[in-house]
Amino acid sequence: MEQLKCPSCGSVDLKQVSFTEYQCAYCRTKFVSSLAPSGFVDVVLTLVPGNMDKTNVIKAIRSVTSLGLTEAKRAVDRPPAVIKQAVTQKEGDRIKGILEKAGAQVMLKPA
């Protein structure tokens, strides 16, 4: 799979602004991904802040997936982790909202 890079500085430290738009964390350049979206997205857990109780994030993951306690805990302890693969954009946004409300940082990547 091709890795996204900033067209201005080449950094891979990117923040997803919308479904196909990204912003470079280094130089703040906004750009649209050249990767053609398939209409489906992967929900990726990118960060769980270390100073918070991870229990809420584990519960949120288990509520939107069929993962067991061990698998959900492993995903929280070792981000980035794909939580759901090839879901619709609408479903991805719903899952992202649930996980972010629990305190996690989540990114939707074109599947």
PDB file of N, CA and C in Angstrom:
ATOM      1  N   MET A   1       0.835  -1.168   0.000  1.00  0.00           N
ATOM      2  CA  MET A   1       0.000   0.000   0.000  1.00  0.00           C
ATOM      3  C   MET A   1       0.887   1.241   0.000  1.00  0.00           C
ATOM      4  N   GLU A   2       0.533   2.209  -0.805  1.00  0.00           N
ATOM      5  CA  GLU A   2       1.286   3.452  -0.922  1.00  0.00           C
ATOM      6  C   GLU A   2       1.084   4.317   0.317  1.00  0.00           C
ATOM      7  N   GLN A   3       2.181   4.889   0.834  1.00  0.00           N
ATOM      8  CA  GLN A   3       2.103   5.734   2.014  1.00  0.00           C
ATOM      9  C   GLN A   3       1.933   7.182   1.581  1.00  0.00           C
ATOM     10  N   LEU A   4       1.036   7.892   2.252  1.00  0.00           N
ATOM     11  CA  LEU A   4       0.814   9.293   1.954  1.00  0.00           C
ATOM     12  C   LEU A   4       1.970  10.132   2.472  1.00  0.00           C
ATOM     13  N   LYS A   5       2.366  11.126   1.677  1.00  0.00           N
ATOM     14  CA  LYS A   5       3.405  12.067   2.069  1.00  0.00           C
ATOM     15  C   LYS A   5       2.957  13.462   1.694  1.00  0.00           C
ATOM     16  N   CYS A   6       3.433  14.440   2.441  1.00  0.00           N
ATOM     17  CA  CYS A   6       3.140  15.830   2.147  1.00  0.00           C
ATOM     18  C   CYS A   6       3.792  16.198   0.813  1.00  0.00           C
ATOM     19  N   PRO A   7       3.033  16.816  -0.102  1.00  0.00           N
ATOM     20  CA  PRO A   7       3.619  17.186  -1.389  1.00  0.00           C
ATOM     21  C   PRO A   7       4.631  18.330  -1.278  1.00  0.00           C
ATOM     22  N   SER A   8       4.571  19.104  -0.195  1.00  0.00           N
ATOM     23  CA  SER A   8       5.492  20.234  -0.041  1.00  0.00           C
ATOM     24  C   SER A   8       6.810  19.850   0.609  1.00  0.00           C
ATOM     25  N   CYS A   9       6.735  19.111   1.734  1.00  0.00           N
ATOM     26  CA  CYS A   9       7.965  18.832   2.491  1.00  0.00           C
ATOM     27  C   CYS A   9       8.318  17.348   2.558  1.00  0.00           C
ATOM     28  N   GLY A  10       7.394  16.467   2.161  1.00  0.00           N
ATOM     29  CA  GLY A  10       7.665  15.035   2.171  1.00  0.00           C
ATOM     30  C   GLY A  10       7.415  14.335   3.492  1.00  0.00           C
ATOM     31  N   SER A  11       6.919  15.063   4.484  1.00  0.00           N
ATOM     32  CA  SER A  11       6.642  14.478   5.797  1.00  0.00           C
ATOM     33  C   SER A  11       5.511  13.462   5.706  1.00  0.00           C
ATOM     34  N   VAL A  12       5.585  12.448   6.556  1.00  0.00           N
ATOM     35  CA  VAL A  12       4.499  11.471   6.639  1.00  0.00           C
ATOM     36  C   VAL A  12       3.645  11.707   7.886  1.00  0.00           C
ATOM     37  N   ASP A  13       3.943  12.762   8.639  1.00  0.00           N
ATOM     38  CA  ASP A  13       3.183  13.127   9.835  1.00  0.00           C
ATOM     39  C   ASP A  13       1.984  13.958   9.406  1.00  0.00           C
ATOM     40  N   LEU A  14       0.885  13.272   9.068  1.00  0.00           N
ATOM     41  CA  LEU A  14      -0.290  13.910   8.492  1.00  0.00           C
ATOM     42  C   LEU A  14      -1.504  13.747   9.388  1.00  0.00           C
ATOM     43  N   LYS A  15      -2.389  14.734   9.338  1.00  0.00           N
ATOM     44  CA  LYS A  15      -3.661  14.661  10.048  1.00  0.00           C
ATOM     45  C   LYS A  15      -4.767  14.650   9.000  1.00  0.00           C
ATOM     46  N   GLN A  16      -5.708  13.720   9.157  1.00  0.00           N
ATOM     47  CA  GLN A  16      -6.813  13.633   8.220  1.00  0.00           C
ATOM     48  C   GLN A  16      -7.836  14.698   8.575  1.00  0.00           C
ATOM     49  N   VAL A  17      -8.124  15.596   7.617  1.00  0.00           N
ATOM     50  CA  VAL A  17      -9.060  16.692   7.822  1.00  0.00           C
ATOM     51  C   VAL A  17     -10.462  16.273   7.397  1.00  0.00           C
ATOM     52  N   SER A  18     -10.565  15.577   6.279  1.00  0.00           N
ATOM     53  CA  SER A  18     -11.836  15.033   5.807  1.00  0.00           C
ATOM     54  C   SER A  18     -11.532  13.707   5.123  1.00  0.00           C
ATOM     55  N   PHE A  19     -12.510  13.150   4.439  1.00  0.00           N
ATOM     56  CA  PHE A  19     -12.354  11.815   3.853  1.00  0.00           C
ATOM     57  C   PHE A  19     -11.125  11.707   2.961  1.00  0.00           C
ATOM     58  N   THR A  20     -10.872  12.698   2.120  1.00  0.00           N
ATOM     59  CA  THR A  20      -9.721  12.635   1.218  1.00  0.00           C
ATOM     60  C   THR A  20      -8.735  13.772   1.436  1.00  0.00           C
ATOM     61  N   GLU A  21      -8.994  14.683   2.358  1.00  0.00           N
ATOM     62  CA  GLU A  21      -8.110  15.834   2.581  1.00  0.00           C
ATOM     63  C   GLU A  21      -7.262  15.636   3.833  1.00  0.00           C
ATOM     64  N   TYR A  22      -5.982  15.983   3.724  1.00  0.00           N
ATOM     65  CA  TYR A  22      -5.033  15.842   4.807  1.00  0.00           C
ATOM     66  C   TYR A  22      -4.297  17.154   5.035  1.00  0.00           C
ATOM     67  N   GLN A  23      -3.738  17.307   6.251  1.00  0.00           N
ATOM     68  CA  GLN A  23      -2.908  18.463   6.558  1.00  0.00           C
ATOM     69  C   GLN A  23      -1.598  17.970   7.173  1.00  0.00           C
ATOM     70  N   CYS A  24      -0.497  18.521   6.678  1.00  0.00           N
ATOM     71  CA  CYS A  24       0.820  18.163   7.181  1.00  0.00           C
ATOM     72  C   CYS A  24       1.009  18.788   8.559  1.00  0.00           C
ATOM     73  N   ALA A  25       1.425  17.989   9.531  1.00  0.00           N
ATOM     74  CA  ALA A  25       1.657  18.486  10.880  1.00  0.00           C
ATOM     75  C   ALA A  25       2.936  19.318  10.946  1.00  0.00           C
ATOM     76  N   TYR A  26       3.812  19.150   9.982  1.00  0.00           N
ATOM     77  CA  TYR A  26       5.092  19.856   9.995  1.00  0.00           C
ATOM     78  C   TYR A  26       4.980  21.244   9.350  1.00  0.00           C
ATOM     79  N   CYS A  27       4.487  21.292   8.090  1.00  0.00           N
ATOM     80  CA  CYS A  27       4.455  22.574   7.371  1.00  0.00           C
ATOM     81  C   CYS A  27       3.044  23.148   7.200  1.00  0.00           C
ATOM     82  N   ARG A  28       2.030  22.433   7.702  1.00  0.00           N
ATOM     83  CA  ARG A  28       0.632  22.875   7.679  1.00  0.00           C
ATOM     84  C   ARG A  28       0.001  22.934   6.284  1.00  0.00           C
ATOM     85  N   THR A  29       0.619  22.322   5.288  1.00  0.00           N
ATOM     86  CA  THR A  29       0.061  22.289   3.942  1.00  0.00           C
ATOM     87  C   THR A  29      -1.147  21.365   3.922  1.00  0.00           C
ATOM     88  N   LYS A  30      -2.253  21.833   3.334  1.00  0.00           N
ATOM     89  CA  LYS A  30      -3.437  20.988   3.142  1.00  0.00           C
ATOM     90  C   LYS A  30      -3.413  20.471   1.714  1.00  0.00           C
ATOM     91  N   PHE A  31      -3.794  19.193   1.549  1.00  0.00           N
ATOM     92  CA  PHE A  31      -3.832  18.617   0.220  1.00  0.00           C
ATOM     93  C   PHE A  31      -4.845  17.491   0.168  1.00  0.00           C
ATOM     94  N   VAL A  32      -5.269  17.161  -1.041  1.00  0.00           N
ATOM     95  CA  VAL A  32      -6.213  16.069  -1.270  1.00  0.00           C
ATOM     96  C   VAL A  32      -5.415  14.835  -1.652  1.00  0.00           C
ATOM     97  N   SER A  33      -5.753  13.717  -1.063  1.00  0.00           N
ATOM     98  CA  SER A  33      -5.057  12.463  -1.331  1.00  0.00           C
ATOM     99  C   SER A  33      -5.191  12.090  -2.795  1.00  0.00           C
ATOM    100  N   SER A  34      -4.083  11.640  -3.373  1.00  0.00           N
ATOM    101  CA  SER A  34      -4.103  11.190  -4.759  1.00  0.00           C
ATOM    102  C   SER A  34      -4.583   9.750  -4.875  1.00  0.00           C
ATOM    103  N   LEU A  35      -4.743   9.088  -3.729  1.00  0.00           N
ATOM    104  CA  LEU A  35      -5.232   7.716  -3.741  1.00  0.00           C
ATOM    105  C   LEU A  35      -6.737   7.728  -3.980  1.00  0.00           C
ATOM    106  N   ALA A  36      -7.192   7.008  -4.973  1.00  0.00           N
ATOM    107  CA  ALA A  36      -8.612   6.996  -5.307  1.00  0.00           C
ATOM    108  C   ALA A  36      -9.396   6.246  -4.241  1.00  0.00           C
ATOM    109  N   PRO A  37     -10.412   6.891  -3.640  1.00  0.00           N
ATOM    110  CA  PRO A  37     -11.194   6.201  -2.625  1.00  0.00           C
ATOM    111  C   PRO A  37     -12.097   5.137  -3.231  1.00  0.00           C
ATOM    112  N   SER A  38     -12.246   4.044  -2.534  1.00  0.00           N
ATOM    113  CA  SER A  38     -13.072   2.946  -3.021  1.00  0.00           C
ATOM    114  C   SER A  38     -14.511   3.054  -2.537  1.00  0.00           C
ATOM    115  N   GLY A  39     -14.786   4.044  -1.698  1.00  0.00           N
ATOM    116  CA  GLY A  39     -16.103   4.167  -1.106  1.00  0.00           C
ATOM    117  C   GLY A  39     -16.162   3.520   0.270  1.00  0.00           C
ATOM    118  N   PHE A  40     -15.116   2.793   0.612  1.00  0.00           N
ATOM    119  CA  PHE A  40     -15.041   2.145   1.916  1.00  0.00           C
ATOM    120  C   PHE A  40     -13.815   2.660   2.662  1.00  0.00           C
ATOM    121  N   VAL A  41     -13.893   2.596   3.984  1.00  0.00           N
ATOM    122  CA  VAL A  41     -12.792   3.081   4.815  1.00  0.00           C
ATOM    123  C   VAL A  41     -12.430   2.045   5.867  1.00  0.00           C
ATOM    124  N   ASP A  42     -11.195   2.160   6.356  1.00  0.00           N
ATOM    125  CA  ASP A  42     -10.742   1.398   7.515  1.00  0.00           C
ATOM    126  C   ASP A  42     -10.709   2.361   8.688  1.00  0.00           C
ATOM    127  N   VAL A  43     -11.190   1.925   9.840  1.00  0.00           N
ATOM    128  CA  VAL A  43     -11.158   2.734  11.051  1.00  0.00           C
ATOM    129  C   VAL A  43      -9.896   2.352  11.806  1.00  0.00           C
ATOM    130  N   VAL A  44      -8.996   3.338  11.987  1.00  0.00           N
ATOM    131  CA  VAL A  44      -7.695   3.076  12.595  1.00  0.00           C
ATOM    132  C   VAL A  44      -7.557   3.863  13.891  1.00  0.00           C
ATOM    133  N   LEU A  45      -7.322   3.149  14.978  1.00  0.00           N
ATOM    134  CA  LEU A  45      -7.039   3.767  16.272  1.00  0.00           C
ATOM    135  C   LEU A  45      -5.600   4.252  16.213  1.00  0.00           C
ATOM    136  N   THR A  46      -5.385   5.570  16.318  1.00  0.00           N
ATOM    137  CA  THR A  46      -4.035   6.109  16.173  1.00  0.00           C
ATOM    138  C   THR A  46      -3.375   6.442  17.495  1.00  0.00           C
ATOM    139  N   LEU A  47      -4.161   6.785  18.526  1.00  0.00           N
ATOM    140  CA  LEU A  47      -3.555   7.172  19.797  1.00  0.00           C
ATOM    141  C   LEU A  47      -4.578   7.097  20.917  1.00  0.00           C
ATOM    142  N   VAL A  48      -4.132   6.617  22.050  1.00  0.00           N
ATOM    143  CA  VAL A  48      -4.893   6.683  23.286  1.00  0.00           C
ATOM    144  C   VAL A  48      -3.975   7.411  24.268  1.00  0.00           C
ATOM    145  N   PRO A  49      -4.331   8.644  24.661  1.00  0.00           N
ATOM    146  CA  PRO A  49      -3.444   9.398  25.550  1.00  0.00           C
ATOM    147  C   PRO A  49      -3.072   8.600  26.792  1.00  0.00           C
ATOM    148  N   GLY A  50      -1.810   8.629  27.148  1.00  0.00           N
ATOM    149  CA  GLY A  50      -1.285   7.839  28.248  1.00  0.00           C
ATOM    150  C   GLY A  50      -1.757   8.268  29.621  1.00  0.00           C
ATOM    151  N   ASN A  51      -2.223   9.503  29.755  1.00  0.00           N
ATOM    152  CA  ASN A  51      -2.626  10.006  31.062  1.00  0.00           C
ATOM    153  C   ASN A  51      -4.101   9.758  31.370  1.00  0.00           C
ATOM    154  N   MET A  52      -4.759   8.931  30.571  1.00  0.00           N
ATOM    155  CA  MET A  52      -6.186   8.678  30.798  1.00  0.00           C
ATOM    156  C   MET A  52      -6.444   7.206  31.084  1.00  0.00           C
ATOM    157  N   ASP A  53      -7.609   6.942  31.633  1.00  0.00           N
ATOM    158  CA  ASP A  53      -8.040   5.568  31.877  1.00  0.00           C
ATOM    159  C   ASP A  53      -8.444   4.953  30.538  1.00  0.00           C
ATOM    160  N   LYS A  54      -7.802   3.880  30.138  1.00  0.00           N
ATOM    161  CA  LYS A  54      -8.040   3.256  28.841  1.00  0.00           C
ATOM    162  C   LYS A  54      -9.282   2.370  28.826  1.00  0.00           C
ATOM    163  N   THR A  55      -9.890   2.177  29.993  1.00  0.00           N
ATOM    164  CA  THR A  55     -11.049   1.296  30.104  1.00  0.00           C
ATOM    165  C   THR A  55     -12.190   1.743  29.198  1.00  0.00           C
ATOM    166  N   ASN A  56     -12.457   3.057  29.131  1.00  0.00           N
ATOM    167  CA  ASN A  56     -13.556   3.553  28.297  1.00  0.00           C
ATOM    168  C   ASN A  56     -13.311   3.275  26.817  1.00  0.00           C
ATOM    169  N   VAL A  57     -12.070   3.386  26.384  1.00  0.00           N
ATOM    170  CA  VAL A  57     -11.746   3.115  24.983  1.00  0.00           C
ATOM    171  C   VAL A  57     -11.905   1.625  24.690  1.00  0.00           C
ATOM    172  N   ILE A  58     -11.457   0.779  25.599  1.00  0.00           N
ATOM    173  CA  ILE A  58     -11.620  -0.672  25.416  1.00  0.00           C
ATOM    174  C   ILE A  58     -13.099  -1.034  25.329  1.00  0.00           C
ATOM    175  N   LYS A  59     -13.913  -0.456  26.205  1.00  0.00           N
ATOM    176  CA  LYS A  59     -15.360  -0.707  26.167  1.00  0.00           C
ATOM    177  C   LYS A  59     -15.965  -0.226  24.852  1.00  0.00           C
ATOM    178  N   ALA A  60     -15.521   0.939  24.373  1.00  0.00           N
ATOM    179  CA  ALA A  60     -16.047   1.475  23.116  1.00  0.00           C
ATOM    180  C   ALA A  60     -15.682   0.576  21.943  1.00  0.00           C
ATOM    181  N   ILE A  61     -14.454   0.080  21.923  1.00  0.00           N
ATOM    182  CA  ILE A  61     -14.028  -0.828  20.849  1.00  0.00           C
ATOM    183  C   ILE A  61     -14.872  -2.092  20.867  1.00  0.00           C
ATOM    184  N   ARG A  62     -15.086  -2.633  22.042  1.00  0.00           N
ATOM    185  CA  ARG A  62     -15.878  -3.862  22.144  1.00  0.00           C
ATOM    186  C   ARG A  62     -17.334  -3.634  21.754  1.00  0.00           C
ATOM    187  N   SER A  63     -17.838  -2.397  21.936  1.00  0.00           N
ATOM    188  CA  SER A  63     -19.231  -2.118  21.592  1.00  0.00           C
ATOM    189  C   SER A  63     -19.450  -2.013  20.080  1.00  0.00           C
ATOM    190  N   VAL A  64     -18.385  -1.705  19.318  1.00  0.00           N
ATOM    191  CA  VAL A  64     -18.548  -1.542  17.870  1.00  0.00           C
ATOM    192  C   VAL A  64     -17.907  -2.664  17.063  1.00  0.00           C
ATOM    193  N   THR A  65     -17.283  -3.628  17.754  1.00  0.00           N
ATOM    194  CA  THR A  65     -16.652  -4.758  17.064  1.00  0.00           C
ATOM    195  C   THR A  65     -17.031  -6.052  17.768  1.00  0.00           C
ATOM    196  N   SER A  66     -16.530  -7.135  17.228  1.00  0.00           N
ATOM    197  CA  SER A  66     -16.716  -8.433  17.879  1.00  0.00           C
ATOM    198  C   SER A  66     -15.437  -8.860  18.605  1.00  0.00           C
ATOM    199  N   LEU A  67     -14.523  -7.914  18.823  1.00  0.00           N
ATOM    200  CA  LEU A  67     -13.271  -8.231  19.507  1.00  0.00           C
ATOM    201  C   LEU A  67     -13.520  -8.591  20.962  1.00  0.00           C
ATOM    202  N   GLY A  68     -12.730  -9.519  21.460  1.00  0.00           N
ATOM    203  CA  GLY A  68     -12.776  -9.884  22.865  1.00  0.00           C
ATOM    204  C   GLY A  68     -11.967  -8.885  23.683  1.00  0.00           C
ATOM    205  N   LEU A  69     -11.984  -9.075  24.992  1.00  0.00           N
ATOM    206  CA  LEU A  69     -11.287  -8.159  25.893  1.00  0.00           C
ATOM    207  C   LEU A  69      -9.785  -8.103  25.608  1.00  0.00           C
ATOM    208  N   THR A  70      -9.163  -9.250  25.391  1.00  0.00           N
ATOM    209  CA  THR A  70      -7.721  -9.295  25.148  1.00  0.00           C
ATOM    210  C   THR A  70      -7.349  -8.566  23.863  1.00  0.00           C
ATOM    211  N   GLU A  71      -8.104  -8.799  22.785  1.00  0.00           N
ATOM    212  CA  GLU A  71      -7.807  -8.155  21.503  1.00  0.00           C
ATOM    213  C   GLU A  71      -8.026  -6.645  21.578  1.00  0.00           C
ATOM    214  N   ALA A  72      -9.093  -6.221  22.249  1.00  0.00           N
ATOM    215  CA  ALA A  72      -9.380  -4.786  22.387  1.00  0.00           C
ATOM    216  C   ALA A  72      -8.286  -4.106  23.209  1.00  0.00           C
ATOM    217  N   LYS A  73      -7.852  -4.757  24.281  1.00  0.00           N
ATOM    218  CA  LYS A  73      -6.781  -4.195  25.112  1.00  0.00           C
ATOM    219  C   LYS A  73      -5.477  -4.109  24.331  1.00  0.00           C
ATOM    220  N   ARG A  74      -5.185  -5.117  23.526  1.00  0.00           N
ATOM    221  CA  ARG A  74      -3.974  -5.109  22.710  1.00  0.00           C
ATOM    222  C   ARG A  74      -4.011  -3.943  21.712  1.00  0.00           C
ATOM    223  N   ALA A  75      -5.168  -3.688  21.107  1.00  0.00           N
ATOM    224  CA  ALA A  75      -5.299  -2.573  20.158  1.00  0.00           C
ATOM    225  C   ALA A  75      -5.051  -1.239  20.854  1.00  0.00           C
ATOM    226  N   VAL A  76      -5.558  -1.082  22.070  1.00  0.00           N
ATOM    227  CA  VAL A  76      -5.386   0.161  22.828  1.00  0.00           C
ATOM    228  C   VAL A  76      -3.933   0.335  23.266  1.00  0.00           C
ATOM    229  N   ASP A  77      -3.286  -0.751  23.629  1.00  0.00           N
ATOM    230  CA  ASP A  77      -1.903  -0.678  24.109  1.00  0.00           C
ATOM    231  C   ASP A  77      -0.875  -0.518  22.994  1.00  0.00           C
ATOM    232  N   ARG A  78      -1.235  -0.891  21.766  1.00  0.00           N
ATOM    233  CA  ARG A  78      -0.271  -0.866  20.660  1.00  0.00           C
ATOM    234  C   ARG A  78      -0.815  -0.173  19.419  1.00  0.00           C
ATOM    235  N   PRO A  79      -1.172   1.121  19.512  1.00  0.00           N
ATOM    236  CA  PRO A  79      -1.626   1.804  18.299  1.00  0.00           C
ATOM    237  C   PRO A  79      -0.455   2.056  17.360  1.00  0.00           C
ATOM    238  N   PRO A  80      -0.641   2.225  16.087  1.00  0.00           N
ATOM    239  CA  PRO A  80      -1.926   2.246  15.409  1.00  0.00           C
ATOM    240  C   PRO A  80      -2.477   0.835  15.223  1.00  0.00           C
ATOM    241  N   ALA A  81      -3.793   0.729  15.298  1.00  0.00           N
ATOM    242  CA  ALA A  81      -4.457  -0.562  15.156  1.00  0.00           C
ATOM    243  C   ALA A  81      -5.741  -0.394  14.357  1.00  0.00           C
ATOM    244  N   VAL A  82      -5.931  -1.257  13.384  1.00  0.00           N
ATOM    245  CA  VAL A  82      -7.164  -1.230  12.597  1.00  0.00           C
ATOM    246  C   VAL A  82      -8.272  -1.829  13.447  1.00  0.00           C
ATOM    247  N   ILE A  83      -9.322  -1.049  13.670  1.00  0.00           N
ATOM    248  CA  ILE A  83     -10.443  -1.490  14.489  1.00  0.00           C
ATOM    249  C   ILE A  83     -11.516  -2.148  13.629  1.00  0.00           C
ATOM    250  N   LYS A  84     -11.816  -1.553  12.481  1.00  0.00           N
ATOM    251  CA  LYS A  84     -12.791  -2.113  11.538  1.00  0.00           C
ATOM    252  C   LYS A  84     -12.252  -1.899  10.133  1.00  0.00           C
ATOM    253  N   GLN A  85     -12.438  -2.891   9.268  1.00  0.00           N
ATOM    254  CA  GLN A  85     -11.958  -2.798   7.898  1.00  0.00           C
ATOM    255  C   GLN A  85     -13.116  -2.723   6.924  1.00  0.00           C
ATOM    256  N   ALA A  86     -12.918  -1.932   5.873  1.00  0.00           N
ATOM    257  CA  ALA A  86     -13.830  -1.855   4.729  1.00  0.00           C
ATOM    258  C   ALA A  86     -15.289  -1.634   5.135  1.00  0.00           C
ATOM    259  N   VAL A  87     -15.515  -0.559   5.894  1.00  0.00           N
ATOM    260  CA  VAL A  87     -16.881  -0.170   6.234  1.00  0.00           C
ATOM    261  C   VAL A  87     -17.240   1.065   5.419  1.00  0.00           C
ATOM    262  N   THR A  88     -18.526   1.361   5.301  1.00  0.00           N
ATOM    263  CA  THR A  88     -18.944   2.542   4.556  1.00  0.00           C
ATOM    264  C   THR A  88     -18.471   3.801   5.281  1.00  0.00           C
ATOM    265  N   GLN A  89     -18.419   4.898   4.548  1.00  0.00           N
ATOM    266  CA  GLN A  89     -17.994   6.164   5.140  1.00  0.00           C
ATOM    267  C   GLN A  89     -18.904   6.537   6.313  1.00  0.00           C
ATOM    268  N   LYS A  90     -20.198   6.335   6.145  1.00  0.00           N
ATOM    269  CA  LYS A  90     -21.162   6.671   7.203  1.00  0.00           C
ATOM    270  C   LYS A  90     -20.901   5.839   8.461  1.00  0.00           C
ATOM    271  N   GLU A  91     -20.698   4.544   8.290  1.00  0.00           N
ATOM    272  CA  GLU A  91     -20.407   3.659   9.417  1.00  0.00           C
ATOM    273  C   GLU A  91     -19.065   4.025  10.050  1.00  0.00           C
ATOM    274  N   GLY A  92     -18.074   4.349   9.227  1.00  0.00           N
ATOM    275  CA  GLY A  92     -16.768   4.763   9.737  1.00  0.00           C
ATOM    276  C   GLY A  92     -16.865   6.025  10.587  1.00  0.00           C
ATOM    277  N   ASP A  93     -17.652   6.989  10.128  1.00  0.00           N
ATOM    278  CA  ASP A  93     -17.845   8.226  10.896  1.00  0.00           C
ATOM    279  C   ASP A  93     -18.538   7.942  12.233  1.00  0.00           C
ATOM    280  N   ARG A  94     -19.503   7.016  12.215  1.00  0.00           N
ATOM    281  CA  ARG A  94     -20.213   6.660  13.446  1.00  0.00           C
ATOM    282  C   ARG A  94     -19.253   6.023  14.459  1.00  0.00           C
ATOM    283  N   ILE A  95     -18.445   5.076  14.000  1.00  0.00           N
ATOM    284  CA  ILE A  95     -17.483   4.399  14.872  1.00  0.00           C
ATOM    285  C   ILE A  95     -16.435   5.391  15.375  1.00  0.00           C
ATOM    286  N   LYS A  96     -15.962   6.247  14.491  1.00  0.00           N
ATOM    287  CA  LYS A  96     -14.970   7.255  14.872  1.00  0.00           C
ATOM    288  C   LYS A  96     -15.515   8.146  15.989  1.00  0.00           C
ATOM    289  N   GLY A  97     -16.778   8.561  15.866  1.00  0.00           N
ATOM    290  CA  GLY A  97     -17.399   9.396  16.894  1.00  0.00           C
ATOM    291  C   GLY A  97     -17.467   8.697  18.246  1.00  0.00           C
ATOM    292  N   ILE A  98     -17.825   7.431  18.247  1.00  0.00           N
ATOM    293  CA  ILE A  98     -17.916   6.652  19.488  1.00  0.00           C
ATOM    294  C   ILE A  98     -16.550   6.540  20.155  1.00  0.00           C
ATOM    295  N   LEU A  99     -15.535   6.215  19.374  1.00  0.00           N
ATOM    296  CA  LEU A  99     -14.188   6.051  19.931  1.00  0.00           C
ATOM    297  C   LEU A  99     -13.601   7.377  20.402  1.00  0.00           C
ATOM    298  N   GLU A 100     -13.850   8.455  19.668  1.00  0.00           N
ATOM    299  CA  GLU A 100     -13.336   9.763  20.081  1.00  0.00           C
ATOM    300  C   GLU A 100     -14.030  10.253  21.347  1.00  0.00           C
ATOM    301  N   LYS A 101     -15.299   9.943  21.479  1.00  0.00           N
ATOM    302  CA  LYS A 101     -16.024  10.319  22.698  1.00  0.00           C
ATOM    303  C   LYS A 101     -15.432   9.597  23.914  1.00  0.00           C
ATOM    304  N   ALA A 102     -14.903   8.398  23.688  1.00  0.00           N
ATOM    305  CA  ALA A 102     -14.276   7.624  24.776  1.00  0.00           C
ATOM    306  C   ALA A 102     -12.858   8.115  25.075  1.00  0.00           C
ATOM    307  N   GLY A 103     -12.319   8.999  24.227  1.00  0.00           N
ATOM    308  CA  GLY A 103     -11.001   9.572  24.489  1.00  0.00           C
ATOM    309  C   GLY A 103      -9.899   9.174  23.538  1.00  0.00           C
ATOM    310  N   ALA A 104     -10.203   8.385  22.527  1.00  0.00           N
ATOM    311  CA  ALA A 104      -9.181   7.921  21.585  1.00  0.00           C
ATOM    312  C   ALA A 104      -9.057   8.897  20.410  1.00  0.00           C
ATOM    313  N   GLN A 105      -7.934   8.821  19.726  1.00  0.00           N
ATOM    314  CA  GLN A 105      -7.764   9.528  18.467  1.00  0.00           C
ATOM    315  C   GLN A 105      -7.878   8.486  17.359  1.00  0.00           C
ATOM    316  N   VAL A 106      -8.703   8.802  16.364  1.00  0.00           N
ATOM    317  CA  VAL A 106      -9.032   7.831  15.319  1.00  0.00           C
ATOM    318  C   VAL A 106      -8.883   8.479  13.949  1.00  0.00           C
ATOM    319  N   MET A 107      -8.468   7.696  12.971  1.00  0.00           N
ATOM    320  CA  MET A 107      -8.348   8.164  11.603  1.00  0.00           C
ATOM    321  C   MET A 107      -9.092   7.198  10.678  1.00  0.00           C
ATOM    322  N   LEU A 108      -9.733   7.747   9.656  1.00  0.00           N
ATOM    323  CA  LEU A 108     -10.370   6.927   8.642  1.00  0.00           C
ATOM    324  C   LEU A 108      -9.456   6.927   7.422  1.00  0.00           C
ATOM    325  N   LYS A 109      -9.076   5.732   6.970  1.00  0.00           N
ATOM    326  CA  LYS A 109      -8.206   5.598   5.806  1.00  0.00           C
ATOM    327  C   LYS A 109      -8.999   4.935   4.695  1.00  0.00           C
ATOM    328  N   PRO A 110      -8.829   5.404   3.460  1.00  0.00           N
ATOM    329  CA  PRO A 110      -9.495   4.718   2.339  1.00  0.00           C
ATOM    330  C   PRO A 110      -9.099   3.239   2.321  1.00  0.00           C
ATOM    331  N   ALA A 111     -10.095   2.381   2.149  1.00  0.00           N
ATOM    332  CA  ALA A 111      -9.836   0.936   2.154  1.00  0.00           C
ATOM    333  C   ALA A 111      -9.328   0.464   0.812  1.00  0.00           C
TER     334      ALA A 111
END
